Amino acid sequence: MMIGVMALQGGFAKHCETLSKLGTNWCEVRAKEDLKKIDGLIIPGGESTTMLKLLKDEGMFEPLKEFTSSHPTFGTCAGLILMAKRVENPSQDSLGLLDITAGRNAYGRQVDSFNQLVNIPIFNTEPFELIFIRAPQILETGSNVTVLARCQDKPVLIQQGFWLGATFHPELTNDTRIHQLFLSIVNQRRSVAA
């Protein structure tokens, strides 16, 4: 199994470190050719408008849209914004995968960043530390979206089929459970495809 981490902009290095901790093969995705060698993709946090511009400038937007439509994809923070069908504050183009409305910078500016411990029911163990940095909020979810965790009564971790989205940064903690969840989704998808 090979996991790609989109590495055009943003916090991709910490995702790579987490995958290394889990003993998972990974590569940085910087060109459309890189998509041909991966089984799943992580789109990191960063600045969604900058990522979108770089994807379009590098001719990667349409190939990425095609790849993610049929492969497991995990978006964190800005990555979730890029995966959303609808984006507000302001609106912008996206990959249109997750049936959600994402509100950009919904918690405020950089100085309004915060951490919070939250129980994630699917893990049935100790709480997970959620780190929010200029985070989006999930304002609406479609009926095919499963909310895996909430914080302040807002969905913060969601799944829709083989797509996973988080409004926070799991890669900035030492807790690997969410990345392990994504790897299990990739493995399931590979089994179905085999």
N, C-alpha and C. Protein backbone atom coordinates (compact mmCIF):
# COMPACT_ATOMS: atom_id res chain seq x y z
N MET A 1 0.85 -1.19 0.00
CA MET A 1 0.00 0.00 0.00
C MET A 1 0.89 1.24 0.00
N MET A 2 0.52 2.20 -0.82
CA MET A 2 1.24 3.47 -0.90
C MET A 2 0.25 4.60 -0.69
N ILE A 3 0.55 5.45 0.30
CA ILE A 3 -0.30 6.61 0.58
C ILE A 3 0.40 7.86 0.07
N GLY A 4 -0.32 8.68 -0.67
CA GLY A 4 0.21 9.95 -1.13
C GLY A 4 -0.18 11.06 -0.18
N VAL A 5 0.70 12.01 -0.01
CA VAL A 5 0.40 13.21 0.79
C VAL A 5 0.61 14.40 -0.12
N MET A 6 -0.46 15.15 -0.40
CA MET A 6 -0.34 16.30 -1.29
C MET A 6 0.63 17.30 -0.68
N ALA A 7 1.67 17.65 -1.44
CA ALA A 7 2.77 18.43 -0.88
C ALA A 7 3.05 19.71 -1.66
N LEU A 8 2.00 20.34 -2.17
CA LEU A 8 2.18 21.61 -2.87
C LEU A 8 2.31 22.78 -1.89
N GLN A 9 1.61 22.68 -0.76
CA GLN A 9 1.58 23.77 0.22
C GLN A 9 0.98 23.20 1.49
N GLY A 10 1.30 23.82 2.63
CA GLY A 10 0.65 23.43 3.88
C GLY A 10 1.45 22.46 4.72
N GLY A 11 0.75 21.85 5.69
CA GLY A 11 1.40 21.03 6.71
C GLY A 11 1.53 19.57 6.35
N PHE A 12 2.08 19.27 5.18
CA PHE A 12 2.17 17.88 4.73
C PHE A 12 3.22 17.07 5.48
N ALA A 13 4.29 17.70 5.96
CA ALA A 13 5.41 16.96 6.58
C ALA A 13 4.97 16.17 7.81
N LYS A 14 4.09 16.74 8.62
CA LYS A 14 3.64 16.05 9.83
C LYS A 14 2.80 14.82 9.49
N HIS A 15 2.03 14.88 8.41
CA HIS A 15 1.30 13.68 7.97
C HIS A 15 2.29 12.60 7.56
N CYS A 16 3.34 12.98 6.87
CA CYS A 16 4.36 12.02 6.45
C CYS A 16 5.01 11.37 7.67
N GLU A 17 5.30 12.17 8.71
CA GLU A 17 5.89 11.64 9.95
C GLU A 17 4.95 10.63 10.60
N THR A 18 3.65 10.94 10.63
CA THR A 18 2.68 10.03 11.24
C THR A 18 2.62 8.73 10.47
N LEU A 19 2.61 8.79 9.14
CA LEU A 19 2.60 7.58 8.33
C LEU A 19 3.86 6.75 8.55
N SER A 20 5.00 7.42 8.72
CA SER A 20 6.26 6.70 9.01
C SER A 20 6.17 5.98 10.35
N LYS A 21 5.58 6.66 11.36
CA LYS A 21 5.39 6.03 12.68
C LYS A 21 4.58 4.75 12.57
N LEU A 22 3.63 4.75 11.64
CA LEU A 22 2.75 3.59 11.46
C LEU A 22 3.36 2.54 10.53
N GLY A 23 4.58 2.79 10.04
CA GLY A 23 5.25 1.84 9.16
C GLY A 23 4.60 1.73 7.78
N THR A 24 3.96 2.81 7.35
CA THR A 24 3.24 2.84 6.07
C THR A 24 4.09 3.49 4.99
N ASN A 25 4.07 2.90 3.81
CA ASN A 25 4.76 3.51 2.67
C ASN A 25 4.01 4.76 2.24
N TRP A 26 4.76 5.82 1.99
CA TRP A 26 4.13 7.08 1.57
C TRP A 26 5.03 7.80 0.58
N CYS A 27 4.44 8.73 -0.15
CA CYS A 27 5.22 9.58 -1.05
C CYS A 27 4.54 10.95 -1.11
N GLU A 28 5.33 11.96 -1.40
CA GLU A 28 4.77 13.29 -1.59
C GLU A 28 4.18 13.38 -2.99
N VAL A 29 3.00 13.99 -3.07
CA VAL A 29 2.34 14.18 -4.37
C VAL A 29 2.49 15.64 -4.77
N ARG A 30 3.25 15.85 -5.85
CA ARG A 30 3.52 17.20 -6.34
C ARG A 30 3.14 17.39 -7.81
N ALA A 31 2.87 16.28 -8.50
CA ALA A 31 2.52 16.33 -9.93
C ALA A 31 1.47 15.26 -10.21
N LYS A 32 0.74 15.43 -11.31
CA LYS A 32 -0.34 14.48 -11.60
C LYS A 32 0.18 13.06 -11.80
N GLU A 33 1.43 12.92 -12.24
CA GLU A 33 2.01 11.58 -12.43
C GLU A 33 2.11 10.83 -11.11
N ASP A 34 2.27 11.57 -10.00
CA ASP A 34 2.40 10.93 -8.68
C ASP A 34 1.12 10.20 -8.28
N LEU A 35 -0.02 10.62 -8.82
CA LEU A 35 -1.30 10.00 -8.46
C LEU A 35 -1.38 8.56 -8.96
N LYS A 36 -0.59 8.22 -9.97
CA LYS A 36 -0.66 6.88 -10.56
C LYS A 36 -0.07 5.81 -9.66
N LYS A 37 0.74 6.21 -8.67
CA LYS A 37 1.42 5.20 -7.85
C LYS A 37 0.88 5.07 -6.44
N ILE A 38 -0.28 5.71 -6.16
CA ILE A 38 -0.79 5.68 -4.79
C ILE A 38 -2.17 5.02 -4.70
N ASP A 39 -2.47 4.52 -3.51
CA ASP A 39 -3.75 3.86 -3.24
C ASP A 39 -4.73 4.77 -2.51
N GLY A 40 -4.22 5.80 -1.86
CA GLY A 40 -5.05 6.75 -1.12
C GLY A 40 -4.27 8.05 -0.98
N LEU A 41 -4.99 9.13 -0.67
CA LEU A 41 -4.37 10.45 -0.64
C LEU A 41 -4.79 11.21 0.61
N ILE A 42 -3.82 11.90 1.22
CA ILE A 42 -4.09 12.83 2.31
C ILE A 42 -3.89 14.24 1.77
N ILE A 43 -4.91 15.09 1.96
CA ILE A 43 -4.79 16.51 1.59
C ILE A 43 -4.66 17.27 2.91
N PRO A 44 -3.51 17.88 3.17
CA PRO A 44 -3.24 18.47 4.49
C PRO A 44 -3.90 19.83 4.70
N GLY A 45 -3.72 20.34 5.90
CA GLY A 45 -4.11 21.70 6.18
C GLY A 45 -3.13 22.67 5.54
N GLY A 46 -3.52 23.91 5.49
CA GLY A 46 -2.71 24.96 4.86
C GLY A 46 -3.64 26.10 4.52
N GLU A 47 -3.48 26.64 3.35
CA GLU A 47 -4.34 27.74 2.87
C GLU A 47 -5.07 27.24 1.63
N SER A 48 -6.38 27.00 1.77
CA SER A 48 -7.13 26.34 0.70
C SER A 48 -7.11 27.12 -0.61
N THR A 49 -7.17 28.45 -0.56
CA THR A 49 -7.16 29.22 -1.81
C THR A 49 -5.81 29.11 -2.51
N THR A 50 -4.74 29.09 -1.73
CA THR A 50 -3.39 28.93 -2.30
C THR A 50 -3.25 27.54 -2.91
N MET A 51 -3.72 26.52 -2.19
CA MET A 51 -3.65 25.15 -2.72
C MET A 51 -4.42 25.05 -4.03
N LEU A 52 -5.60 25.62 -4.06
CA LEU A 52 -6.45 25.59 -5.25
C LEU A 52 -5.74 26.26 -6.43
N LYS A 53 -5.13 27.41 -6.19
CA LYS A 53 -4.40 28.12 -7.24
C LYS A 53 -3.23 27.27 -7.77
N LEU A 54 -2.47 26.68 -6.84
CA LEU A 54 -1.33 25.85 -7.24
C LEU A 54 -1.80 24.62 -8.03
N LEU A 55 -2.87 23.98 -7.58
CA LEU A 55 -3.41 22.82 -8.30
C LEU A 55 -3.79 23.20 -9.73
N LYS A 56 -4.42 24.34 -9.89
CA LYS A 56 -4.84 24.77 -11.23
C LYS A 56 -3.62 25.20 -12.06
N ASP A 57 -2.69 25.94 -11.45
CA ASP A 57 -1.49 26.39 -12.18
C ASP A 57 -0.64 25.21 -12.66
N GLU A 58 -0.60 24.13 -11.84
CA GLU A 58 0.22 22.96 -12.17
C GLU A 58 -0.53 21.94 -13.03
N GLY A 59 -1.76 22.26 -13.42
CA GLY A 59 -2.56 21.34 -14.23
C GLY A 59 -2.97 20.09 -13.46
N MET A 60 -3.07 20.21 -12.15
CA MET A 60 -3.37 19.05 -11.31
C MET A 60 -4.83 18.98 -10.87
N PHE A 61 -5.58 20.05 -11.03
CA PHE A 61 -6.92 20.08 -10.45
C PHE A 61 -7.82 18.99 -11.04
N GLU A 62 -7.91 18.91 -12.36
CA GLU A 62 -8.79 17.91 -12.98
C GLU A 62 -8.30 16.48 -12.73
N PRO A 63 -6.99 16.19 -12.88
CA PRO A 63 -6.52 14.84 -12.53
C PRO A 63 -6.78 14.47 -11.07
N LEU A 64 -6.66 15.45 -10.18
CA LEU A 64 -6.92 15.21 -8.76
C LEU A 64 -8.40 14.92 -8.54
N LYS A 65 -9.25 15.67 -9.22
CA LYS A 65 -10.69 15.46 -9.12
C LYS A 65 -11.05 14.04 -9.58
N GLU A 66 -10.44 13.62 -10.67
CA GLU A 66 -10.69 12.28 -11.20
C GLU A 66 -10.18 11.21 -10.23
N PHE A 67 -8.97 11.39 -9.71
CA PHE A 67 -8.39 10.41 -8.78
C PHE A 67 -9.24 10.28 -7.52
N THR A 68 -9.57 11.42 -6.90
CA THR A 68 -10.27 11.38 -5.62
C THR A 68 -11.70 10.86 -5.75
N SER A 69 -12.28 10.94 -6.94
CA SER A 69 -13.65 10.44 -7.12
C SER A 69 -13.72 8.92 -6.95
N SER A 70 -12.58 8.24 -7.10
CA SER A 70 -12.60 6.78 -7.01
C SER A 70 -11.58 6.20 -6.02
N HIS A 71 -10.90 7.06 -5.25
CA HIS A 71 -9.89 6.58 -4.31
C HIS A 71 -10.09 7.20 -2.92
N PRO A 72 -9.75 6.44 -1.86
CA PRO A 72 -9.84 6.99 -0.51
C PRO A 72 -9.03 8.27 -0.39
N THR A 73 -9.66 9.28 0.21
CA THR A 73 -9.02 10.58 0.39
C THR A 73 -9.37 11.10 1.77
N PHE A 74 -8.36 11.65 2.44
CA PHE A 74 -8.51 12.18 3.80
C PHE A 74 -8.08 13.64 3.78
N GLY A 75 -9.00 14.54 4.07
CA GLY A 75 -8.68 15.97 4.10
C GLY A 75 -8.74 16.51 5.52
N THR A 76 -7.69 17.24 5.91
CA THR A 76 -7.67 17.88 7.22
C THR A 76 -7.67 19.39 7.03
N CYS A 77 -8.53 20.08 7.76
CA CYS A 77 -8.62 21.54 7.76
C CYS A 77 -8.80 22.06 6.32
N ALA A 78 -7.80 22.67 5.73
CA ALA A 78 -7.92 23.16 4.35
C ALA A 78 -8.22 22.02 3.38
N GLY A 79 -7.70 20.83 3.68
CA GLY A 79 -7.98 19.65 2.85
C GLY A 79 -9.45 19.32 2.83
N LEU A 80 -10.10 19.44 4.00
CA LEU A 80 -11.55 19.23 4.08
C LEU A 80 -12.28 20.28 3.25
N ILE A 81 -11.83 21.52 3.30
CA ILE A 81 -12.45 22.58 2.49
C ILE A 81 -12.38 22.22 1.01
N LEU A 82 -11.22 21.75 0.56
CA LEU A 82 -11.06 21.37 -0.85
C LEU A 82 -11.95 20.20 -1.24
N MET A 83 -12.28 19.33 -0.27
CA MET A 83 -13.12 18.16 -0.55
C MET A 83 -14.62 18.47 -0.50
N ALA A 84 -15.01 19.60 0.10
CA ALA A 84 -16.42 19.92 0.31
C ALA A 84 -17.13 20.23 -1.01
N LYS A 85 -18.42 19.88 -1.07
CA LYS A 85 -19.22 20.25 -2.25
C LYS A 85 -19.53 21.73 -2.26
N ARG A 86 -19.70 22.32 -1.07
CA ARG A 86 -20.04 23.74 -0.97
C ARG A 86 -19.11 24.41 0.02
N VAL A 87 -18.59 25.58 -0.36
CA VAL A 87 -17.66 26.34 0.49
C VAL A 87 -18.20 27.75 0.65
N GLU A 88 -18.18 28.24 1.89
CA GLU A 88 -18.65 29.60 2.18
C GLU A 88 -17.57 30.40 2.90
N ASN A 89 -17.70 31.72 2.85
CA ASN A 89 -16.88 32.68 3.61
C ASN A 89 -15.44 32.78 3.13
N PRO A 90 -15.16 33.14 1.89
CA PRO A 90 -16.10 33.23 0.76
C PRO A 90 -16.20 31.89 0.05
N SER A 91 -17.10 31.83 -0.93
CA SER A 91 -17.23 30.60 -1.71
C SER A 91 -16.01 30.44 -2.60
N GLN A 92 -15.69 29.21 -2.93
CA GLN A 92 -14.56 28.94 -3.82
C GLN A 92 -14.78 27.60 -4.49
N ASP A 93 -14.02 27.33 -5.51
CA ASP A 93 -14.07 26.07 -6.23
C ASP A 93 -13.58 24.96 -5.30
N SER A 94 -13.96 23.72 -5.60
CA SER A 94 -13.53 22.60 -4.78
C SER A 94 -13.60 21.32 -5.59
N LEU A 95 -13.19 20.22 -4.97
CA LEU A 95 -13.24 18.91 -5.63
C LEU A 95 -14.67 18.35 -5.62
N GLY A 96 -15.52 18.88 -4.75
CA GLY A 96 -16.94 18.49 -4.74
C GLY A 96 -17.19 17.06 -4.32
N LEU A 97 -16.44 16.56 -3.35
CA LEU A 97 -16.57 15.17 -2.93
C LEU A 97 -17.54 15.00 -1.77
N LEU A 98 -17.20 15.58 -0.62
CA LEU A 98 -18.00 15.42 0.59
C LEU A 98 -19.27 16.25 0.50
N ASP A 99 -20.40 15.64 0.81
CA ASP A 99 -21.69 16.33 0.74
C ASP A 99 -21.88 17.20 1.99
N ILE A 100 -21.07 18.24 2.06
CA ILE A 100 -21.10 19.16 3.20
C ILE A 100 -20.98 20.60 2.71
N THR A 101 -21.37 21.52 3.58
CA THR A 101 -21.05 22.93 3.40
C THR A 101 -19.98 23.26 4.43
N ALA A 102 -18.83 23.73 3.96
CA ALA A 102 -17.73 24.10 4.85
C ALA A 102 -17.63 25.62 4.93
N GLY A 103 -17.57 26.13 6.15
CA GLY A 103 -17.38 27.57 6.37
C GLY A 103 -15.92 27.83 6.69
N ARG A 104 -15.24 28.57 5.84
CA ARG A 104 -13.81 28.83 6.03
C ARG A 104 -13.57 29.73 7.24
N ASN A 105 -12.45 29.47 7.95
CA ASN A 105 -12.02 30.29 9.10
C ASN A 105 -13.18 30.58 10.07
N ALA A 106 -14.02 29.59 10.28
CA ALA A 106 -15.26 29.80 11.03
C ALA A 106 -15.04 30.04 12.52
N TYR A 107 -13.90 29.60 13.04
CA TYR A 107 -13.62 29.82 14.47
C TYR A 107 -12.88 31.14 14.72
N GLY A 108 -12.48 31.81 13.65
CA GLY A 108 -11.78 33.08 13.81
C GLY A 108 -10.37 33.04 13.26
N ARG A 109 -9.57 33.98 13.69
CA ARG A 109 -8.21 34.16 13.18
C ARG A 109 -7.23 33.21 13.87
N GLN A 110 -5.97 33.31 13.48
CA GLN A 110 -4.90 32.47 14.05
C GLN A 110 -4.88 32.55 15.58
N VAL A 111 -5.09 33.74 16.14
CA VAL A 111 -5.05 33.92 17.60
C VAL A 111 -6.21 33.21 18.29
N ASP A 112 -7.23 32.82 17.53
CA ASP A 112 -8.38 32.12 18.10
C ASP A 112 -8.23 30.60 18.04
N SER A 113 -7.05 30.12 17.65
CA SER A 113 -6.80 28.68 17.60
C SER A 113 -6.91 28.09 19.00
N PHE A 114 -7.32 26.82 19.08
CA PHE A 114 -7.50 26.19 20.39
C PHE A 114 -7.38 24.67 20.30
N ASN A 115 -7.18 24.04 21.47
CA ASN A 115 -7.14 22.59 21.60
C ASN A 115 -8.32 22.17 22.47
N GLN A 116 -8.85 20.98 22.22
CA GLN A 116 -9.91 20.46 23.07
C GLN A 116 -9.90 18.93 23.04
N LEU A 117 -10.07 18.32 24.22
CA LEU A 117 -10.18 16.86 24.30
C LEU A 117 -11.61 16.47 24.00
N VAL A 118 -11.78 15.48 23.11
CA VAL A 118 -13.11 15.04 22.69
C VAL A 118 -13.12 13.51 22.62
N ASN A 119 -14.20 12.92 23.10
CA ASN A 119 -14.38 11.48 22.93
C ASN A 119 -14.87 11.20 21.52
N ILE A 120 -14.21 10.26 20.87
CA ILE A 120 -14.62 9.84 19.52
C ILE A 120 -15.19 8.43 19.66
N PRO A 121 -16.51 8.27 19.59
CA PRO A 121 -17.16 7.00 19.93
C PRO A 121 -16.58 5.77 19.23
N ILE A 122 -16.17 5.87 17.97
CA ILE A 122 -15.67 4.68 17.26
C ILE A 122 -14.38 4.14 17.86
N PHE A 123 -13.66 4.96 18.63
CA PHE A 123 -12.40 4.50 19.21
C PHE A 123 -12.58 3.86 20.58
N ASN A 124 -13.65 4.18 21.30
CA ASN A 124 -13.95 3.55 22.60
C ASN A 124 -12.79 3.56 23.59
N THR A 125 -11.92 4.54 23.50
CA THR A 125 -10.79 4.61 24.44
C THR A 125 -10.65 6.04 24.92
N GLU A 126 -9.43 6.42 25.31
CA GLU A 126 -9.24 7.76 25.86
C GLU A 126 -9.57 8.85 24.83
N PRO A 127 -9.92 10.04 25.31
CA PRO A 127 -10.28 11.15 24.41
C PRO A 127 -9.13 11.50 23.45
N PHE A 128 -9.49 12.11 22.35
CA PHE A 128 -8.54 12.55 21.34
C PHE A 128 -8.35 14.06 21.49
N GLU A 129 -7.11 14.51 21.41
CA GLU A 129 -6.85 15.96 21.47
C GLU A 129 -7.04 16.55 20.08
N LEU A 130 -8.02 17.45 19.97
CA LEU A 130 -8.28 18.12 18.70
C LEU A 130 -7.59 19.48 18.71
N ILE A 131 -6.84 19.76 17.65
CA ILE A 131 -6.12 21.03 17.52
C ILE A 131 -6.73 21.79 16.34
N PHE A 132 -7.33 22.93 16.65
CA PHE A 132 -7.99 23.76 15.64
C PHE A 132 -7.15 25.00 15.37
N ILE A 133 -6.73 25.19 14.11
CA ILE A 133 -5.93 26.37 13.73
C ILE A 133 -6.62 27.02 12.53
N ARG A 134 -7.21 28.21 12.75
CA ARG A 134 -7.98 28.88 11.69
C ARG A 134 -8.89 27.88 10.99
N ALA A 135 -9.56 27.10 11.80
CA ALA A 135 -10.27 25.92 11.29
C ALA A 135 -11.60 26.27 10.62
N PRO A 136 -11.99 25.42 9.65
CA PRO A 136 -13.33 25.55 9.08
C PRO A 136 -14.35 24.90 10.02
N GLN A 137 -15.60 25.20 9.78
CA GLN A 137 -16.69 24.47 10.43
C GLN A 137 -17.50 23.77 9.35
N ILE A 138 -18.05 22.62 9.72
CA ILE A 138 -18.97 21.91 8.84
C ILE A 138 -20.36 22.44 9.19
N LEU A 139 -20.92 23.24 8.29
CA LEU A 139 -22.17 23.94 8.55
C LEU A 139 -23.40 23.09 8.24
N GLU A 140 -23.28 22.21 7.26
CA GLU A 140 -24.37 21.32 6.86
C GLU A 140 -23.78 20.01 6.38
N THR A 141 -24.51 18.91 6.63
CA THR A 141 -24.09 17.60 6.11
C THR A 141 -25.26 16.96 5.38
N GLY A 142 -24.94 16.26 4.30
CA GLY A 142 -25.95 15.50 3.58
C GLY A 142 -26.27 14.21 4.33
N SER A 143 -27.34 13.53 3.91
CA SER A 143 -27.79 12.33 4.60
C SER A 143 -26.82 11.16 4.47
N ASN A 144 -25.92 11.20 3.49
CA ASN A 144 -24.96 10.12 3.28
C ASN A 144 -23.64 10.35 4.02
N VAL A 145 -23.57 11.40 4.83
CA VAL A 145 -22.37 11.72 5.60
C VAL A 145 -22.55 11.22 7.04
N THR A 146 -21.57 10.46 7.53
CA THR A 146 -21.59 9.97 8.91
C THR A 146 -20.72 10.88 9.77
N VAL A 147 -21.30 11.44 10.83
CA VAL A 147 -20.54 12.28 11.76
C VAL A 147 -19.90 11.35 12.79
N LEU A 148 -18.57 11.30 12.80
CA LEU A 148 -17.82 10.43 13.72
C LEU A 148 -17.49 11.13 15.02
N ALA A 149 -17.40 12.46 15.01
CA ALA A 149 -17.08 13.21 16.24
C ALA A 149 -17.62 14.62 16.12
N ARG A 150 -17.97 15.18 17.29
CA ARG A 150 -18.44 16.55 17.38
C ARG A 150 -17.62 17.28 18.43
N CYS A 151 -17.51 18.59 18.25
CA CYS A 151 -16.89 19.47 19.25
C CYS A 151 -17.72 20.74 19.28
N GLN A 152 -18.09 21.18 20.47
CA GLN A 152 -18.97 22.34 20.62
C GLN A 152 -20.23 22.18 19.77
N ASP A 153 -20.72 20.94 19.74
CA ASP A 153 -21.94 20.56 19.02
C ASP A 153 -21.84 20.69 17.50
N LYS A 154 -20.63 20.84 16.96
CA LYS A 154 -20.42 20.91 15.51
C LYS A 154 -19.71 19.64 15.05
N PRO A 155 -20.08 19.10 13.87
CA PRO A 155 -19.33 17.96 13.34
C PRO A 155 -17.88 18.37 13.07
N VAL A 156 -16.93 17.54 13.51
CA VAL A 156 -15.51 17.85 13.29
C VAL A 156 -14.75 16.71 12.61
N LEU A 157 -15.33 15.51 12.63
CA LEU A 157 -14.74 14.36 11.95
C LEU A 157 -15.87 13.62 11.26
N ILE A 158 -15.76 13.47 9.93
CA ILE A 158 -16.85 12.87 9.16
C ILE A 158 -16.32 11.84 8.20
N GLN A 159 -17.22 10.94 7.79
CA GLN A 159 -16.88 9.95 6.77
C GLN A 159 -18.04 9.85 5.80
N GLN A 160 -17.69 9.75 4.54
CA GLN A 160 -18.68 9.50 3.48
C GLN A 160 -18.07 8.46 2.56
N GLY A 161 -18.49 7.22 2.70
CA GLY A 161 -17.89 6.15 1.90
C GLY A 161 -16.41 6.03 2.22
N PHE A 162 -15.57 6.16 1.18
CA PHE A 162 -14.12 6.04 1.38
C PHE A 162 -13.43 7.40 1.52
N TRP A 163 -14.21 8.44 1.82
CA TRP A 163 -13.65 9.77 2.07
C TRP A 163 -13.77 10.10 3.55
N LEU A 164 -12.72 10.70 4.09
CA LEU A 164 -12.67 11.08 5.50
C LEU A 164 -12.29 12.55 5.57
N GLY A 165 -12.92 13.28 6.49
CA GLY A 165 -12.60 14.70 6.62
C GLY A 165 -12.57 15.12 8.08
N ALA A 166 -11.59 15.97 8.42
CA ALA A 166 -11.45 16.50 9.78
C ALA A 166 -11.24 18.01 9.69
N THR A 167 -11.92 18.75 10.57
CA THR A 167 -11.74 20.20 10.59
C THR A 167 -10.52 20.59 11.42
N PHE A 168 -9.90 19.61 12.07
CA PHE A 168 -8.76 19.84 12.97
C PHE A 168 -7.51 19.17 12.41
N HIS A 169 -6.43 19.15 13.20
CA HIS A 169 -5.13 18.65 12.75
C HIS A 169 -4.67 17.45 13.57
N PRO A 170 -5.11 16.22 13.22
CA PRO A 170 -4.67 15.05 13.99
C PRO A 170 -3.18 14.78 13.86
N GLU A 171 -2.58 15.26 12.78
CA GLU A 171 -1.15 15.03 12.55
C GLU A 171 -0.26 15.80 13.52
N LEU A 172 -0.82 16.78 14.23
CA LEU A 172 -0.02 17.57 15.17
C LEU A 172 0.01 16.97 16.58
N THR A 173 -0.64 15.81 16.75
CA THR A 173 -0.59 15.10 18.03
C THR A 173 0.23 13.83 17.84
N ASN A 174 0.48 13.13 18.95
CA ASN A 174 1.16 11.82 18.87
C ASN A 174 0.17 10.69 18.72
N ASP A 175 -1.10 11.01 18.64
CA ASP A 175 -2.17 10.01 18.56
C ASP A 175 -2.38 9.65 17.09
N THR A 176 -2.20 8.39 16.76
CA THR A 176 -2.26 7.96 15.36
C THR A 176 -3.60 7.31 14.98
N ARG A 177 -4.57 7.33 15.88
CA ARG A 177 -5.80 6.56 15.63
C ARG A 177 -6.57 7.00 14.39
N ILE A 178 -6.61 8.29 14.10
CA ILE A 178 -7.37 8.75 12.93
C ILE A 178 -6.65 8.36 11.65
N HIS A 179 -5.33 8.45 11.65
CA HIS A 179 -4.59 7.98 10.47
C HIS A 179 -4.76 6.47 10.30
N GLN A 180 -4.80 5.72 11.40
CA GLN A 180 -5.03 4.28 11.31
C GLN A 180 -6.41 4.00 10.72
N LEU A 181 -7.40 4.81 11.11
CA LEU A 181 -8.74 4.68 10.54
C LEU A 181 -8.69 4.87 9.02
N PHE A 182 -7.97 5.90 8.58
CA PHE A 182 -7.86 6.14 7.14
C PHE A 182 -7.18 4.97 6.44
N LEU A 183 -6.12 4.43 7.03
CA LEU A 183 -5.43 3.29 6.42
C LEU A 183 -6.36 2.08 6.32
N SER A 184 -7.22 1.89 7.31
CA SER A 184 -8.17 0.77 7.24
C SER A 184 -9.18 0.99 6.11
N ILE A 185 -9.57 2.25 5.87
CA ILE A 185 -10.47 2.57 4.75
C ILE A 185 -9.78 2.25 3.42
N VAL A 186 -8.48 2.62 3.32
CA VAL A 186 -7.72 2.33 2.09
C VAL A 186 -7.62 0.83 1.88
N ASN A 187 -7.33 0.07 2.94
CA ASN A 187 -7.23 -1.39 2.83
C ASN A 187 -8.55 -2.02 2.39
N GLN A 188 -9.65 -1.53 2.95
CA GLN A 188 -10.97 -2.04 2.58
C GLN A 188 -11.24 -1.79 1.09
N ARG A 189 -10.91 -0.59 0.64
CA ARG A 189 -11.12 -0.21 -0.76
C ARG A 189 -10.26 -1.08 -1.69
N ARG A 190 -9.03 -1.34 -1.27
CA ARG A 190 -8.13 -2.19 -2.09
C ARG A 190 -8.69 -3.61 -2.17
N SER A 191 -9.25 -4.11 -1.07
CA SER A 191 -9.83 -5.47 -1.06
C SER A 191 -11.01 -5.56 -2.01
N VAL A 192 -11.83 -4.52 -2.03
CA VAL A 192 -13.00 -4.49 -2.92
C VAL A 192 -12.55 -4.45 -4.38
N ALA A 193 -11.49 -3.67 -4.65
CA ALA A 193 -11.01 -3.49 -6.02
C ALA A 193 -10.28 -4.73 -6.55
N ALA A 194 -9.74 -5.56 -5.62
CA ALA A 194 -8.92 -6.71 -6.04
C ALA A 194 -9.75 -7.80 -6.69
